[in-house]
Amino acid sequence: MTKAITEEAVTGVYGNMFLKTICIADLGCSSGPNTFIVVTEVMKAVDKIRRKFGRQSSPEFQIYLNDLPGNDFNSIFRSLPRFREELKEELGSEFGQCFFTGVPGSFYSRLFPTESLHFVHSSYSLMWLSQVPKGVEMNKENIYLASTSPSSVIQAYYEQFQKDFSMFLKCRSEELVSGGRMVLTILGRKSDDPTSKECCYIWELLAMALKQMVYEGLIEQEKLYSFSIPQYTPCPFEVKAEVEKEGSFAINRIEASEINWAACGNKFNLPHSFNDDGYNVAKCMRSVAEPLLIDHFGESIIDKIFQKYGEILSDCMCKEETKFVNVTISMTKKERMDG
């Protein structure tokens, strides 16, 4: 859904600068089949522009893959030889050399040398906060924002998002060259209400599964009350406001799009017996929420949690249409004003 925006941004970089080496960073790269999707699309876009402009030699590509230190970078490195071969087969021998570097660390801090990047991409990562906001103890049975959350809790989440996102922008403004581009896709919302169903419902249903386990004596009530998801799903206005306040970037495009929860399961090649939307969405959510749940509740009950969660999701999804909202923003690093 964001491919056209990414291609437009890459055209803006490579079309305006004659680069021998183009430096690309994917922040929150994860590990597994999805890791190379974005960098592949970016490299293809560069090659398409090169041919269009009649440039004989392809630039070299310096690719930085960033995620937290716990990410499985070794599996990424092991899959690189095959990935390079497939890329050469698809794009031909004229295609430039590719150099890959793993960069472990939080993107809420500096990761790269000053003015060393031409293009930055991040997808489904920036809704994660650097920490659970302070002062959310009153949220009790809610594991995330909900219609019953006190206003002080809602404000605490929003302020943590503002602090983190502004720090992210400040760091990237130091690392991108003037005229460099950045495309970010964030799980968000269209509504002005941060407790709206479109962004909170998925977590409310997980909370239901956890509450069932409290009733069954498998989880202590106090354990549930002290668990919070370190996430904030912003609306386009909130994203735009932080970019304008930080001041280093000009916004090219910002838009919100929707995707059905059921689309989460499309990437799983599952046997027919598991062809169940609720099961598939639970599997998707497990890939992101499991480390948080293990850290707080322990590993022994994780399968049970997601079994219950899948059942609740299946019941919910057969009764109503459920969608995620993506907020995508494309921006350009402004020229530095010296003196």
Protein backbone atom coordinates (compact mmCIF):
# COMPACT_ATOMS: atom_id res chain seq x y z
CA MET A 1 0.00 0.00 0.00
CA THR A 2 2.93 2.36 0.61
CA LYS A 3 5.06 1.20 -2.32
CA ALA A 4 4.18 4.23 -4.49
CA ILE A 5 5.09 6.63 -1.67
CA THR A 6 8.44 4.90 -1.16
CA GLU A 7 9.20 4.97 -4.90
CA GLU A 8 8.33 8.67 -5.04
CA ALA A 9 10.70 9.39 -2.14
CA VAL A 10 13.54 7.32 -3.65
CA THR A 11 13.08 9.17 -6.96
CA GLY A 12 13.43 12.41 -5.04
CA VAL A 13 16.78 11.30 -3.62
CA TYR A 14 18.41 9.48 -6.53
CA GLY A 15 16.86 11.67 -9.22
CA ASN A 16 18.25 14.85 -7.65
CA MET A 17 21.68 13.60 -6.57
CA PHE A 18 24.19 11.75 -8.71
CA LEU A 19 25.28 9.22 -6.10
CA LYS A 20 28.05 6.64 -6.45
CA THR A 21 26.88 5.09 -3.19
CA ILE A 22 23.36 5.37 -1.79
CA CYS A 23 23.03 4.76 1.95
CA ILE A 24 19.71 3.33 3.12
CA ALA A 25 18.57 2.55 6.67
CA ASP A 26 15.62 0.34 7.58
CA LEU A 27 14.73 0.95 11.22
CA GLY A 28 12.93 -1.86 13.03
CA CYS A 29 13.96 -4.43 10.40
CA SER A 30 13.02 -7.51 12.49
CA SER A 31 14.25 -10.89 11.19
CA GLY A 32 12.73 -13.45 8.87
CA PRO A 33 11.10 -13.26 5.41
CA ASN A 34 9.95 -9.63 5.82
CA THR A 35 13.41 -8.22 6.54
CA PHE A 36 14.49 -7.69 2.93
CA ILE A 37 11.13 -6.64 1.43
CA VAL A 38 11.61 -2.89 1.85
CA VAL A 39 15.29 -2.70 0.87
CA THR A 40 14.51 -4.80 -2.21
CA GLU A 41 11.79 -2.35 -3.27
CA VAL A 42 14.10 0.62 -2.68
CA MET A 43 16.93 -0.91 -4.70
CA LYS A 44 14.52 -1.82 -7.53
CA ALA A 45 13.22 1.76 -7.54
CA VAL A 46 16.78 3.12 -7.81
CA ASP A 47 17.53 0.76 -10.69
CA LYS A 48 14.32 1.77 -12.48
CA ILE A 49 15.26 5.47 -12.20
CA ARG A 50 18.83 4.74 -13.37
CA ARG A 51 17.53 3.09 -16.53
CA LYS A 52 14.99 5.86 -17.10
CA PHE A 53 17.69 8.55 -16.87
CA GLY A 54 20.05 6.52 -19.05
CA ARG A 55 22.77 6.30 -16.41
CA GLN A 56 25.27 3.62 -17.39
CA SER A 57 26.60 2.57 -14.00
CA SER A 58 24.48 1.54 -11.04
CA PRO A 59 25.30 3.06 -7.66
CA GLU A 60 26.58 0.84 -4.88
CA PHE A 61 24.19 0.26 -1.99
CA GLN A 62 25.08 0.54 1.67
CA ILE A 63 22.17 -1.01 3.57
CA TYR A 64 21.84 -0.56 7.34
CA LEU A 65 19.44 -2.93 9.11
CA ASN A 66 18.51 -1.71 12.57
CA ASP A 67 16.58 -3.27 15.41
CA LEU A 68 16.93 -3.75 19.15
CA PRO A 69 19.94 -5.84 20.32
CA GLY A 70 17.71 -8.85 21.02
CA ASN A 71 16.81 -9.15 17.33
CA ASP A 72 18.11 -12.27 15.54
CA PHE A 73 20.72 -10.56 13.36
CA ASN A 74 22.56 -13.86 12.85
CA SER A 75 19.64 -15.31 10.89
CA ILE A 76 19.64 -12.18 8.70
CA PHE A 77 23.35 -12.53 7.97
CA ARG A 78 22.96 -16.25 7.17
CA SER A 79 20.30 -15.47 4.56
CA LEU A 80 22.33 -12.72 2.83
CA PRO A 81 24.21 -14.89 0.25
CA ARG A 82 20.96 -16.32 -1.13
CA PHE A 83 19.31 -12.89 -1.11
CA ARG A 84 22.22 -11.37 -3.09
CA GLU A 85 22.04 -14.18 -5.66
CA GLU A 86 18.29 -13.72 -6.15
CA LEU A 87 18.75 -9.95 -6.52
CA LYS A 88 21.44 -10.39 -9.20
CA GLU A 89 19.27 -12.89 -11.08
CA GLU A 90 16.33 -10.50 -11.07
CA LEU A 91 18.14 -7.22 -11.81
CA GLY A 92 21.08 -8.39 -13.90
CA SER A 93 24.86 -8.09 -13.77
CA GLU A 94 24.80 -4.28 -14.17
CA PHE A 95 23.22 -3.95 -10.74
CA GLY A 96 25.53 -2.33 -8.17
CA GLN A 97 27.28 -3.99 -5.25
CA CYS A 98 25.29 -4.28 -2.02
CA PHE A 99 26.89 -3.98 1.42
CA PHE A 100 24.87 -4.88 4.51
CA THR A 101 25.47 -3.79 8.08
CA GLY A 102 23.49 -4.77 11.18
CA VAL A 103 22.98 -1.87 13.59
CA PRO A 104 21.68 -3.00 17.00
CA GLY A 105 20.24 -0.24 19.18
CA SER A 106 17.20 1.91 19.90
CA PHE A 107 16.16 4.32 17.15
CA TYR A 108 15.29 6.76 19.92
CA SER A 109 19.03 7.48 20.02
CA ARG A 110 21.77 8.26 17.46
CA LEU A 111 22.67 5.23 15.36
CA PHE A 112 24.67 6.58 12.40
CA PRO A 113 27.38 9.18 11.68
CA THR A 114 26.38 12.77 10.92
CA GLU A 115 24.93 13.31 7.43
CA SER A 116 25.67 9.75 6.32
CA LEU A 117 22.22 8.58 5.15
CA HIS A 118 20.24 9.31 1.97
CA PHE A 119 17.06 7.38 2.70
CA VAL A 120 15.45 6.17 5.95
CA HIS A 121 12.51 3.80 6.16
CA SER A 122 10.56 2.42 9.10
CA SER A 123 7.40 0.33 9.04
CA TYR A 124 5.25 -0.78 11.99
CA SER A 125 7.86 0.20 14.57
CA LEU A 126 7.36 3.79 15.70
CA MET A 127 4.11 3.12 17.55
CA TRP A 128 6.29 1.29 20.11
CA LEU A 129 7.35 3.65 22.89
CA SER A 130 10.76 3.62 24.54
CA GLN A 131 9.05 2.67 27.82
CA VAL A 132 5.68 2.31 29.51
CA PRO A 133 4.65 5.88 30.41
CA LYS A 134 4.94 6.90 34.04
CA GLY A 135 1.72 7.38 35.97
CA VAL A 136 -0.42 4.69 34.31
CA GLU A 137 -1.01 2.65 37.49
CA MET A 138 -4.62 3.90 37.66
CA ASN A 139 -5.42 2.14 34.37
CA LYS A 140 -5.99 -1.12 36.29
CA GLU A 141 -7.68 -3.81 34.14
CA ASN A 142 -6.83 -2.05 30.87
CA ILE A 143 -3.54 -3.18 29.38
CA TYR A 144 -3.61 -0.26 26.93
CA LEU A 145 -5.71 2.86 26.42
CA ALA A 146 -9.45 2.22 26.59
CA SER A 147 -12.68 4.20 26.91
CA THR A 148 -12.47 3.66 30.69
CA SER A 149 -8.88 4.98 30.96
CA PRO A 150 -8.50 8.10 33.19
CA SER A 151 -7.62 11.30 31.32
CA SER A 152 -4.26 11.47 33.16
CA VAL A 153 -3.33 8.06 31.71
CA ILE A 154 -4.30 9.13 28.18
CA GLN A 155 -2.18 12.27 28.61
CA ALA A 156 0.78 10.23 29.93
CA TYR A 157 0.73 8.01 26.82
CA TYR A 158 0.51 10.99 24.48
CA GLU A 159 3.35 12.85 26.21
CA GLN A 160 5.57 9.75 26.02
CA PHE A 161 4.83 9.53 22.28
CA GLN A 162 5.69 13.23 21.83
CA LYS A 163 8.96 12.83 23.73
CA ASP A 164 10.00 9.68 21.84
CA PHE A 165 8.96 10.77 18.35
CA SER A 166 10.59 14.19 18.68
CA MET A 167 13.82 12.47 19.80
CA PHE A 168 13.57 10.11 16.80
CA LEU A 169 13.19 13.08 14.43
CA LYS A 170 16.08 14.97 16.05
CA CYS A 171 18.42 11.96 15.71
CA ARG A 172 17.46 11.29 12.08
CA SER A 173 17.85 14.98 11.20
CA GLU A 174 21.49 14.72 12.30
CA GLU A 175 22.08 11.53 10.31
CA LEU A 176 20.37 12.36 7.00
CA VAL A 177 22.03 14.54 4.37
CA SER A 178 20.19 17.70 3.29
CA GLY A 179 17.60 16.63 0.73
CA GLY A 180 17.58 13.09 2.15
CA ARG A 181 14.19 11.41 2.43
CA MET A 182 12.36 9.49 5.12
CA VAL A 183 9.20 7.35 4.82
CA LEU A 184 7.56 6.13 8.02
CA THR A 185 4.52 3.88 8.36
CA ILE A 186 3.07 3.79 11.87
CA LEU A 187 0.14 1.80 13.22
CA GLY A 188 -2.24 4.64 14.05
CA ARG A 189 -5.80 5.88 13.89
CA LYS A 190 -8.00 8.23 11.88
CA SER A 191 -10.03 9.43 14.87
CA ASP A 192 -8.94 12.31 17.10
CA ASP A 193 -9.81 10.09 20.09
CA PRO A 194 -6.77 8.08 21.30
CA THR A 195 -9.13 5.56 22.95
CA SER A 196 -11.13 4.91 19.79
CA LYS A 197 -11.97 1.33 18.86
CA GLU A 198 -9.91 1.44 15.64
CA CYS A 199 -6.65 1.53 17.59
CA CYS A 200 -7.48 0.02 21.00
CA TYR A 201 -9.86 -2.87 20.28
CA ILE A 202 -7.13 -5.38 19.40
CA TRP A 203 -5.59 -4.88 22.87
CA GLU A 204 -8.97 -4.87 24.65
CA LEU A 205 -9.56 -8.37 23.28
CA LEU A 206 -6.17 -9.52 24.58
CA ALA A 207 -7.11 -8.03 27.96
CA MET A 208 -10.30 -10.16 27.86
CA ALA A 209 -8.18 -13.29 27.39
CA LEU A 210 -5.95 -12.30 30.32
CA LYS A 211 -9.01 -11.59 32.53
CA GLN A 212 -10.39 -15.06 31.76
CA MET A 213 -7.11 -16.49 33.00
CA VAL A 214 -7.38 -14.44 36.20
CA TYR A 215 -10.87 -15.94 36.77
CA GLU A 216 -9.41 -19.41 36.21
CA GLY A 217 -6.64 -18.73 38.75
CA LEU A 218 -3.86 -18.98 36.16
CA ILE A 219 -2.80 -15.33 36.51
CA GLU A 220 -2.75 -13.21 39.66
CA GLN A 221 -5.03 -10.18 39.49
CA GLU A 222 -2.23 -7.84 40.60
CA LYS A 223 -0.06 -9.15 37.77
CA LEU A 224 -2.76 -8.16 35.28
CA TYR A 225 -3.24 -4.75 36.90
CA SER A 226 0.49 -3.99 36.62
CA PHE A 227 0.77 -4.92 32.92
CA SER A 228 0.77 -2.16 30.29
CA ILE A 229 1.53 -2.14 26.56
CA PRO A 230 4.26 0.45 25.70
CA GLN A 231 2.57 1.67 22.53
CA TYR A 232 0.84 4.77 21.18
CA THR A 233 -1.12 4.80 17.91
CA PRO A 234 -1.13 8.42 16.69
CA CYS A 235 -3.49 10.15 14.27
CA PRO A 236 -2.07 12.03 11.24
CA PHE A 237 -2.47 15.41 13.00
CA GLU A 238 -0.33 14.28 15.97
CA VAL A 239 2.43 12.99 13.66
CA LYS A 240 2.34 16.18 11.58
CA ALA A 241 2.42 18.38 14.69
CA GLU A 242 5.61 16.73 16.01
CA VAL A 243 7.36 16.97 12.62
CA GLU A 244 6.51 20.67 12.33
CA LYS A 245 7.53 21.35 15.94
CA GLU A 246 10.93 19.65 15.51
CA GLY A 247 11.43 21.68 12.32
CA SER A 248 14.11 19.75 10.41
CA PHE A 249 11.83 18.14 7.83
CA ALA A 250 9.43 19.29 5.12
CA ILE A 251 6.37 17.03 4.82
CA ASN A 252 5.75 15.75 1.29
CA ARG A 253 2.80 13.48 2.00
CA ILE A 254 0.88 12.23 5.00
CA GLU A 255 -2.06 9.89 4.76
CA ALA A 256 -4.04 7.27 6.63
CA SER A 257 -5.03 3.94 5.10
CA GLU A 258 -6.96 0.93 6.37
CA ILE A 259 -6.22 -2.79 6.27
CA ASN A 260 -8.51 -5.58 7.46
CA TRP A 261 -7.34 -7.59 10.45
CA ALA A 262 -7.94 -10.71 8.35
CA ALA A 263 -5.20 -9.59 5.93
CA CYS A 264 -2.68 -10.43 8.69
CA GLY A 265 -3.15 -14.12 7.99
CA ASN A 266 -2.60 -13.92 4.25
CA LYS A 267 1.15 -14.47 4.57
CA PHE A 268 0.80 -17.76 6.43
CA ASN A 269 0.78 -20.90 4.32
CA LEU A 270 -1.34 -22.86 6.76
CA PRO A 271 -3.15 -26.19 6.44
CA HIS A 272 -6.91 -25.92 5.91
CA SER A 273 -7.62 -26.86 9.54
CA PHE A 274 -5.91 -23.60 10.59
CA ASN A 275 -7.58 -21.46 7.93
CA ASP A 276 -9.16 -19.32 10.62
CA ASP A 277 -8.87 -15.51 10.69
CA GLY A 278 -8.88 -15.31 14.48
CA TYR A 279 -6.09 -17.89 14.74
CA ASN A 280 -4.05 -16.03 12.11
CA VAL A 281 -4.46 -12.61 13.75
CA ALA A 282 -3.55 -14.11 17.13
CA LYS A 283 -0.41 -15.54 15.48
CA CYS A 284 0.45 -12.10 14.10
CA MET A 285 -0.09 -10.42 17.46
CA ARG A 286 1.92 -13.14 19.18
CA SER A 287 4.93 -12.24 17.04
CA VAL A 288 4.96 -8.74 18.56
CA ALA A 289 3.41 -9.20 22.02
CA GLU A 290 4.93 -12.49 23.18
CA PRO A 291 8.22 -11.05 24.54
CA LEU A 292 6.28 -8.51 26.64
CA LEU A 293 3.93 -11.18 27.98
CA ILE A 294 6.71 -13.67 28.78
CA ASP A 295 8.66 -10.97 30.59
CA HIS A 296 5.66 -10.11 32.79
CA PHE A 297 3.68 -13.35 33.19
CA GLY A 298 6.27 -16.07 32.50
CA GLU A 299 6.52 -18.55 29.65
CA SER A 300 4.39 -21.44 30.92
CA ILE A 301 0.99 -19.84 30.20
CA ILE A 302 1.78 -18.20 26.83
CA ASP A 303 0.21 -20.92 24.65
CA LYS A 304 -2.95 -20.79 26.76
CA ILE A 305 -3.15 -16.98 26.47
CA PHE A 306 -2.97 -17.04 22.68
CA GLN A 307 -5.36 -19.99 22.41
CA LYS A 308 -7.97 -17.94 24.31
CA TYR A 309 -7.07 -14.78 22.37
CA GLY A 310 -7.55 -16.61 19.05
CA GLU A 311 -11.00 -17.84 20.14
CA ILE A 312 -12.05 -14.32 21.19
CA LEU A 313 -10.73 -12.85 17.93
CA SER A 314 -12.57 -15.47 15.83
CA ASP A 315 -15.84 -14.74 17.62
CA CYS A 316 -15.38 -10.99 17.21
CA MET A 317 -14.27 -11.08 13.56
CA CYS A 318 -17.24 -13.14 12.40
CA LYS A 319 -19.62 -10.56 13.88
CA GLU A 320 -18.05 -7.27 12.78
CA GLU A 321 -15.61 -5.70 10.33
CA THR A 322 -12.29 -5.00 12.01
CA LYS A 323 -9.50 -2.87 10.56
CA PHE A 324 -6.06 -1.53 11.41
CA VAL A 325 -5.18 2.03 10.44
CA ASN A 326 -1.76 2.92 9.01
CA VAL A 327 -0.42 6.47 9.14
CA THR A 328 2.26 6.98 6.47
CA ILE A 329 4.39 10.11 6.23
CA SER A 330 7.00 11.01 3.61
CA MET A 331 9.37 13.89 4.33
CA THR A 332 12.54 15.61 3.15
CA LYS A 333 15.41 16.84 5.31
CA LYS A 334 15.58 20.62 4.93
CA GLU A 335 18.74 22.46 3.91
CA ARG A 336 20.82 23.51 6.91
CA MET A 337 20.77 27.25 7.60
CA ASP A 338 24.26 28.12 8.84
CA GLY A 339 25.07 31.23 10.82
